[in-house]
Amino acid sequence: AHLELVVRMIGEAPGTGGTAGVNWLRSR
């Protein structure tokens, strides 16, 4: 659910903490 939310909110943009955003969440 968190991954789906981030996709809706920022798409493929990097995370605010310097992570790869969606790809980083998907890997975890």
PDB file of all heavy atoms in Angstrom:
ATOM      1  N   ALA A   1       0.834  -1.206   0.000  1.00  0.00           N
ATOM      2  CA  ALA A   1       0.000   0.000   0.000  1.00  0.00           C
ATOM      3  C   ALA A   1       0.867   1.253   0.000  1.00  0.00           C
ATOM      4  O   ALA A   1       0.540   2.254  -0.652  1.00  0.00           O
ATOM      5  CB  ALA A   1      -0.932  -0.009   1.214  1.00  0.00           C
ATOM      6  N   HIS A   2       1.975   1.206   0.728  1.00  0.00           N
ATOM      7  CA  HIS A   2       2.897   2.340   0.755  1.00  0.00           C
ATOM      8  C   HIS A   2       3.495   2.586  -0.628  1.00  0.00           C
ATOM      9  O   HIS A   2       3.600   3.733  -1.095  1.00  0.00           O
ATOM     10  CB  HIS A   2       4.006   2.078   1.776  1.00  0.00           C
ATOM     11  CG  HIS A   2       4.905   3.247   2.014  1.00  0.00           C
ATOM     12  ND1 HIS A   2       6.234   3.120   2.327  1.00  0.00           N
ATOM     13  CD2 HIS A   2       4.665   4.587   1.965  1.00  0.00           C
ATOM     14  CE1 HIS A   2       6.775   4.312   2.469  1.00  0.00           C
ATOM     15  NE2 HIS A   2       5.842   5.226   2.264  1.00  0.00           N
ATOM     16  N   LEU A   3       3.881   1.516  -1.297  1.00  0.00           N
ATOM     17  CA  LEU A   3       4.428   1.643  -2.647  1.00  0.00           C
ATOM     18  C   LEU A   3       3.404   2.274  -3.586  1.00  0.00           C
ATOM     19  O   LEU A   3       3.730   3.192  -4.351  1.00  0.00           O
ATOM     20  CB  LEU A   3       4.849   0.269  -3.163  1.00  0.00           C
ATOM     21  CG  LEU A   3       5.409   0.218  -4.586  1.00  0.00           C
ATOM     22  CD1 LEU A   3       6.709   1.013  -4.690  1.00  0.00           C
ATOM     23  CD2 LEU A   3       5.636  -1.227  -5.020  1.00  0.00           C
ATOM     24  N   GLU A   4       2.165   1.805  -3.539  1.00  0.00           N
ATOM     25  CA  GLU A   4       1.115   2.360  -4.396  1.00  0.00           C
ATOM     26  C   GLU A   4       0.898   3.845  -4.115  1.00  0.00           C
ATOM     27  O   GLU A   4       0.705   4.646  -5.040  1.00  0.00           O
ATOM     28  CB  GLU A   4      -0.189   1.592  -4.180  1.00  0.00           C
ATOM     29  CG  GLU A   4      -0.165   0.161  -4.691  1.00  0.00           C
ATOM     30  CD  GLU A   4      -1.406  -0.607  -4.309  1.00  0.00           C
ATOM     31  OE1 GLU A   4      -2.302  -0.004  -3.671  1.00  0.00           O
ATOM     32  OE2 GLU A   4      -1.494  -1.794  -4.646  1.00  0.00           O
ATOM     33  N   LEU A   5       0.939   4.226  -2.838  1.00  0.00           N
ATOM     34  CA  LEU A   5       0.759   5.630  -2.475  1.00  0.00           C
ATOM     35  C   LEU A   5       1.880   6.491  -3.043  1.00  0.00           C
ATOM     36  O   LEU A   5       1.635   7.564  -3.619  1.00  0.00           O
ATOM     37  CB  LEU A   5       0.720   5.773  -0.950  1.00  0.00           C
ATOM     38  CG  LEU A   5       0.687   7.208  -0.422  1.00  0.00           C
ATOM     39  CD1 LEU A   5      -0.629   7.883  -0.771  1.00  0.00           C
ATOM     40  CD2 LEU A   5       0.920   7.229   1.088  1.00  0.00           C
ATOM     41  N   VAL A   6       3.115   6.037  -2.912  1.00  0.00           N
ATOM     42  CA  VAL A   6       4.251   6.813  -3.398  1.00  0.00           C
ATOM     43  C   VAL A   6       4.206   6.952  -4.922  1.00  0.00           C
ATOM     44  O   VAL A   6       4.504   8.011  -5.474  1.00  0.00           O
ATOM     45  CB  VAL A   6       5.580   6.183  -2.932  1.00  0.00           C
ATOM     46  CG1 VAL A   6       6.773   6.872  -3.583  1.00  0.00           C
ATOM     47  CG2 VAL A   6       5.690   6.270  -1.415  1.00  0.00           C
ATOM     48  N   VAL A   7       3.811   5.878  -5.606  1.00  0.00           N
ATOM     49  CA  VAL A   7       3.660   5.962  -7.066  1.00  0.00           C
ATOM     50  C   VAL A   7       2.662   7.050  -7.432  1.00  0.00           C
ATOM     51  O   VAL A   7       2.889   7.848  -8.352  1.00  0.00           O
ATOM     52  CB  VAL A   7       3.219   4.604  -7.641  1.00  0.00           C
ATOM     53  CG1 VAL A   7       2.780   4.743  -9.094  1.00  0.00           C
ATOM     54  CG2 VAL A   7       4.347   3.581  -7.542  1.00  0.00           C
ATOM     55  N   ARG A   8       1.540   7.117  -6.706  1.00  0.00           N
ATOM     56  CA  ARG A   8       0.528   8.134  -6.996  1.00  0.00           C
ATOM     57  C   ARG A   8       1.016   9.538  -6.684  1.00  0.00           C
ATOM     58  O   ARG A   8       0.732  10.484  -7.413  1.00  0.00           O
ATOM     59  CB  ARG A   8      -0.754   7.839  -6.199  1.00  0.00           C
ATOM     60  CG  ARG A   8      -1.869   8.856  -6.453  1.00  0.00           C
ATOM     61  CD  ARG A   8      -3.140   8.501  -5.719  1.00  0.00           C
ATOM     62  NE  ARG A   8      -3.080   8.769  -4.297  1.00  0.00           N
ATOM     63  CZ  ARG A   8      -3.300   9.963  -3.747  1.00  0.00           C
ATOM     64  NH1 ARG A   8      -3.558  11.023  -4.502  1.00  0.00           N
ATOM     65  NH2 ARG A   8      -3.265  10.116  -2.441  1.00  0.00           N
ATOM     66  N   MET A   9       1.762   9.666  -5.598  1.00  0.00           N
ATOM     67  CA  MET A   9       2.161  10.998  -5.140  1.00  0.00           C
ATOM     68  C   MET A   9       3.330  11.586  -5.933  1.00  0.00           C
ATOM     69  O   MET A   9       3.316  12.763  -6.295  1.00  0.00           O
ATOM     70  CB  MET A   9       2.524  10.948  -3.653  1.00  0.00           C
ATOM     71  CG  MET A   9       1.340  10.802  -2.722  1.00  0.00           C
ATOM     72  SD  MET A   9       0.285  12.268  -2.766  1.00  0.00           S
ATOM     73  CE  MET A   9      -0.658  12.048  -1.266  1.00  0.00           C
ATOM     74  N   ILE A  10       4.382  10.779  -6.183  1.00  0.00           N
ATOM     75  CA  ILE A  10       5.595  11.358  -6.787  1.00  0.00           C
ATOM     76  C   ILE A  10       6.071  10.604  -8.016  1.00  0.00           C
ATOM     77  O   ILE A  10       7.069  11.002  -8.630  1.00  0.00           O
ATOM     78  CB  ILE A  10       6.748  11.436  -5.759  1.00  0.00           C
ATOM     79  CG1 ILE A  10       7.219  10.037  -5.352  1.00  0.00           C
ATOM     80  CG2 ILE A  10       6.330  12.263  -4.547  1.00  0.00           C
ATOM     81  CD1 ILE A  10       8.480  10.051  -4.490  1.00  0.00           C
ATOM     82  N   GLY A  11       5.392   9.528  -8.393  1.00  0.00           N
ATOM     83  CA  GLY A  11       5.821   8.794  -9.574  1.00  0.00           C
ATOM     84  C   GLY A  11       7.222   8.224  -9.412  1.00  0.00           C
ATOM     85  O   GLY A  11       7.532   7.590  -8.410  1.00  0.00           O
ATOM     86  N   GLU A  12       8.070   8.470 -10.374  1.00  0.00           N
ATOM     87  CA  GLU A  12       9.438   7.944 -10.366  1.00  0.00           C
ATOM     88  C   GLU A  12      10.452   8.933  -9.781  1.00  0.00           C
ATOM     89  O   GLU A  12      11.657   8.712  -9.872  1.00  0.00           O
ATOM     90  CB  GLU A  12       9.868   7.563 -11.790  1.00  0.00           C
ATOM     91  CG  GLU A  12       9.029   6.461 -12.416  1.00  0.00           C
ATOM     92  CD  GLU A  12       9.168   5.131 -11.694  1.00  0.00           C
ATOM     93  OE1 GLU A  12      10.273   4.846 -11.179  1.00  0.00           O
ATOM     94  OE2 GLU A  12       8.174   4.375 -11.635  1.00  0.00           O
ATOM     95  N   ALA A  13       9.977  10.011  -9.176  1.00  0.00           N
ATOM     96  CA  ALA A  13      10.888  11.013  -8.616  1.00  0.00           C
ATOM     97  C   ALA A  13      11.650  10.439  -7.425  1.00  0.00           C
ATOM     98  O   ALA A  13      11.163   9.533  -6.741  1.00  0.00           O
ATOM     99  CB  ALA A  13      10.109  12.250  -8.182  1.00  0.00           C
ATOM    100  N   PRO A  14      12.865  10.950  -7.145  1.00  0.00           N
ATOM    101  CA  PRO A  14      13.627  10.469  -5.981  1.00  0.00           C
ATOM    102  C   PRO A  14      12.902  10.797  -4.680  1.00  0.00           C
ATOM    103  O   PRO A  14      12.104  11.733  -4.613  1.00  0.00           O
ATOM    104  CB  PRO A  14      14.952  11.235  -6.082  1.00  0.00           C
ATOM    105  CG  PRO A  14      15.024  11.733  -7.480  1.00  0.00           C
ATOM    106  CD  PRO A  14      13.606  11.953  -7.921  1.00  0.00           C
ATOM    107  N   GLY A  15      13.193  10.023  -3.637  1.00  0.00           N
ATOM    108  CA  GLY A  15      12.629  10.301  -2.327  1.00  0.00           C
ATOM    109  C   GLY A  15      13.280  11.513  -1.689  1.00  0.00           C
ATOM    110  O   GLY A  15      14.404  11.892  -2.044  1.00  0.00           O
ATOM    111  N   THR A  16      12.588  12.137  -0.730  1.00  0.00           N
ATOM    112  CA  THR A  16      13.135  13.327  -0.080  1.00  0.00           C
ATOM    113  C   THR A  16      14.384  13.023   0.726  1.00  0.00           C
ATOM    114  O   THR A  16      15.208  13.898   0.963  1.00  0.00           O
ATOM    115  CB  THR A  16      12.076  13.970   0.847  1.00  0.00           C
ATOM    116  OG1 THR A  16      11.529  12.964   1.699  1.00  0.00           O
ATOM    117  CG2 THR A  16      10.971  14.615   0.041  1.00  0.00           C
ATOM    118  N   GLY A  17      14.548  11.774   1.160  1.00  0.00           N
ATOM    119  CA  GLY A  17      15.726  11.404   1.958  1.00  0.00           C
ATOM    120  C   GLY A  17      16.915  10.987   1.127  1.00  0.00           C
ATOM    121  O   GLY A  17      17.896  10.482   1.666  1.00  0.00           O
ATOM    122  N   GLY A  18      16.814  11.178  -0.191  1.00  0.00           N
ATOM    123  CA  GLY A  18      17.927  10.816  -1.055  1.00  0.00           C
ATOM    124  C   GLY A  18      17.852   9.402  -1.586  1.00  0.00           C
ATOM    125  O   GLY A  18      18.781   8.929  -2.249  1.00  0.00           O
ATOM    126  N   THR A  19      16.757   8.679  -1.300  1.00  0.00           N
ATOM    127  CA  THR A  19      16.612   7.315  -1.811  1.00  0.00           C
ATOM    128  C   THR A  19      16.148   7.368  -3.275  1.00  0.00           C
ATOM    129  O   THR A  19      15.801   8.423  -3.799  1.00  0.00           O
ATOM    130  CB  THR A  19      15.587   6.513  -1.002  1.00  0.00           C
ATOM    131  OG1 THR A  19      14.269   7.037  -1.266  1.00  0.00           O
ATOM    132  CG2 THR A  19      15.878   6.598   0.477  1.00  0.00           C
ATOM    133  N   ALA A  20      16.108   6.199  -3.900  1.00  0.00           N
ATOM    134  CA  ALA A  20      15.644   6.106  -5.286  1.00  0.00           C
ATOM    135  C   ALA A  20      14.126   6.105  -5.384  1.00  0.00           C
ATOM    136  O   ALA A  20      13.575   5.816  -6.445  1.00  0.00           O
ATOM    137  CB  ALA A  20      16.217   4.845  -5.934  1.00  0.00           C
ATOM    138  N   GLY A  21      13.458   6.414  -4.302  1.00  0.00           N
ATOM    139  CA  GLY A  21      11.998   6.517  -4.319  1.00  0.00           C
ATOM    140  C   GLY A  21      11.324   5.179  -4.516  1.00  0.00           C
ATOM    141  O   GLY A  21      11.529   4.231  -3.748  1.00  0.00           O
ATOM    142  N   VAL A  22      10.508   5.074  -5.560  1.00  0.00           N
ATOM    143  CA  VAL A  22       9.700   3.883  -5.808  1.00  0.00           C
ATOM    144  C   VAL A  22      10.573   2.640  -5.938  1.00  0.00           C
ATOM    145  O   VAL A  22      10.253   1.584  -5.380  1.00  0.00           O
ATOM    146  CB  VAL A  22       8.848   4.085  -7.076  1.00  0.00           C
ATOM    147  CG1 VAL A  22       8.238   2.761  -7.531  1.00  0.00           C
ATOM    148  CG2 VAL A  22       7.745   5.106  -6.811  1.00  0.00           C
ATOM    149  N   ASN A  23      11.674   2.735  -6.664  1.00  0.00           N
ATOM    150  CA  ASN A  23      12.531   1.559  -6.867  1.00  0.00           C
ATOM    151  C   ASN A  23      13.123   1.074  -5.544  1.00  0.00           C
ATOM    152  O   ASN A  23      13.253  -0.137  -5.319  1.00  0.00           O
ATOM    153  CB  ASN A  23      13.646   1.879  -7.865  1.00  0.00           C
ATOM    154  CG  ASN A  23      13.118   2.015  -9.279  1.00  0.00           C
ATOM    155  OD1 ASN A  23      12.086   1.431  -9.625  1.00  0.00           O
ATOM    156  ND2 ASN A  23      13.803   2.793 -10.100  1.00  0.00           N
ATOM    157  N   TRP A  24      13.478   1.991  -4.664  1.00  0.00           N
ATOM    158  CA  TRP A  24      14.024   1.616  -3.368  1.00  0.00           C
ATOM    159  C   TRP A  24      12.964   0.912  -2.527  1.00  0.00           C
ATOM    160  O   TRP A  24      13.225  -0.132  -1.915  1.00  0.00           O
ATOM    161  CB  TRP A  24      14.537   2.842  -2.636  1.00  0.00           C
ATOM    162  CG  TRP A  24      15.164   2.545  -1.312  1.00  0.00           C
ATOM    163  CD1 TRP A  24      16.414   2.064  -1.074  1.00  0.00           C
ATOM    164  CD2 TRP A  24      14.553   2.702  -0.021  1.00  0.00           C
ATOM    165  NE1 TRP A  24      16.635   1.908   0.272  1.00  0.00           N
ATOM    166  CE2 TRP A  24      15.508   2.295   0.952  1.00  0.00           C
ATOM    167  CE3 TRP A  24      13.305   3.150   0.408  1.00  0.00           C
ATOM    168  CZ2 TRP A  24      15.236   2.326   2.310  1.00  0.00           C
ATOM    169  CZ3 TRP A  24      13.040   3.187   1.767  1.00  0.00           C
ATOM    170  CH2 TRP A  24      14.001   2.772   2.702  1.00  0.00           C
ATOM    171  N   LEU A  25      11.751   1.455  -2.535  1.00  0.00           N
ATOM    172  CA  LEU A  25      10.669   0.829  -1.772  1.00  0.00           C
ATOM    173  C   LEU A  25      10.342  -0.552  -2.323  1.00  0.00           C
ATOM    174  O   LEU A  25      10.140  -1.501  -1.562  1.00  0.00           O
ATOM    175  CB  LEU A  25       9.417   1.709  -1.830  1.00  0.00           C
ATOM    176  CG  LEU A  25       9.457   3.022  -1.040  1.00  0.00           C
ATOM    177  CD1 LEU A  25       8.182   3.813  -1.296  1.00  0.00           C
ATOM    178  CD2 LEU A  25       9.624   2.758   0.452  1.00  0.00           C
ATOM    179  N   ARG A  26      10.309  -0.665  -3.639  1.00  0.00           N
ATOM    180  CA  ARG A  26       9.989  -1.954  -4.258  1.00  0.00           C
ATOM    181  C   ARG A  26      11.012  -3.016  -3.874  1.00  0.00           C
ATOM    182  O   ARG A  26      10.662  -4.181  -3.650  1.00  0.00           O
ATOM    183  CB  ARG A  26       9.928  -1.791  -5.779  1.00  0.00           C
ATOM    184  CG  ARG A  26       9.435  -3.036  -6.513  1.00  0.00           C
ATOM    185  CD  ARG A  26       9.391  -2.816  -8.008  1.00  0.00           C
ATOM    186  NE  ARG A  26       8.354  -1.849  -8.381  1.00  0.00           N
ATOM    187  CZ  ARG A  26       8.599  -0.682  -8.967  1.00  0.00           C
ATOM    188  NH1 ARG A  26       9.841  -0.311  -9.235  1.00  0.00           N
ATOM    189  NH2 ARG A  26       7.611   0.122  -9.294  1.00  0.00           N
ATOM    190  N   SER A  27      12.275  -2.613  -3.768  1.00  0.00           N
ATOM    191  CA  SER A  27      13.332  -3.579  -3.456  1.00  0.00           C
ATOM    192  C   SER A  27      13.252  -4.097  -2.028  1.00  0.00           C
ATOM    193  O   SER A  27      13.848  -5.125  -1.703  1.00  0.00           O
ATOM    194  CB  SER A  27      14.711  -2.947  -3.685  1.00  0.00           C
ATOM    195  OG  SER A  27      14.993  -1.964  -2.688  1.00  0.00           O
ATOM    196  N   ARG A  28      12.511  -3.400  -1.162  1.00  0.00           N
ATOM    197  CA  ARG A  28      12.462  -3.770   0.249  1.00  0.00           C
ATOM    198  C   ARG A  28      11.192  -4.524   0.628  1.00  0.00           C
ATOM    199  O   ARG A  28      11.022  -4.912   1.777  1.00  0.00           O
ATOM    200  CB  ARG A  28      12.609  -2.510   1.117  1.00  0.00           C
ATOM    201  CG  ARG A  28      13.939  -1.813   0.891  1.00  0.00           C
ATOM    202  CD  ARG A  28      14.116  -0.611   1.805  1.00  0.00           C
ATOM    203  NE  ARG A  28      14.237  -0.975   3.196  1.00  0.00           N
ATOM    204  CZ  ARG A  28      15.345  -1.422   3.770  1.00  0.00           C
ATOM    205  NH1 ARG A  28      16.446  -1.580   3.054  1.00  0.00           N
ATOM    206  NH2 ARG A  28      15.372  -1.718   5.064  1.00  0.00           N
TER     207      ARG A  28
END
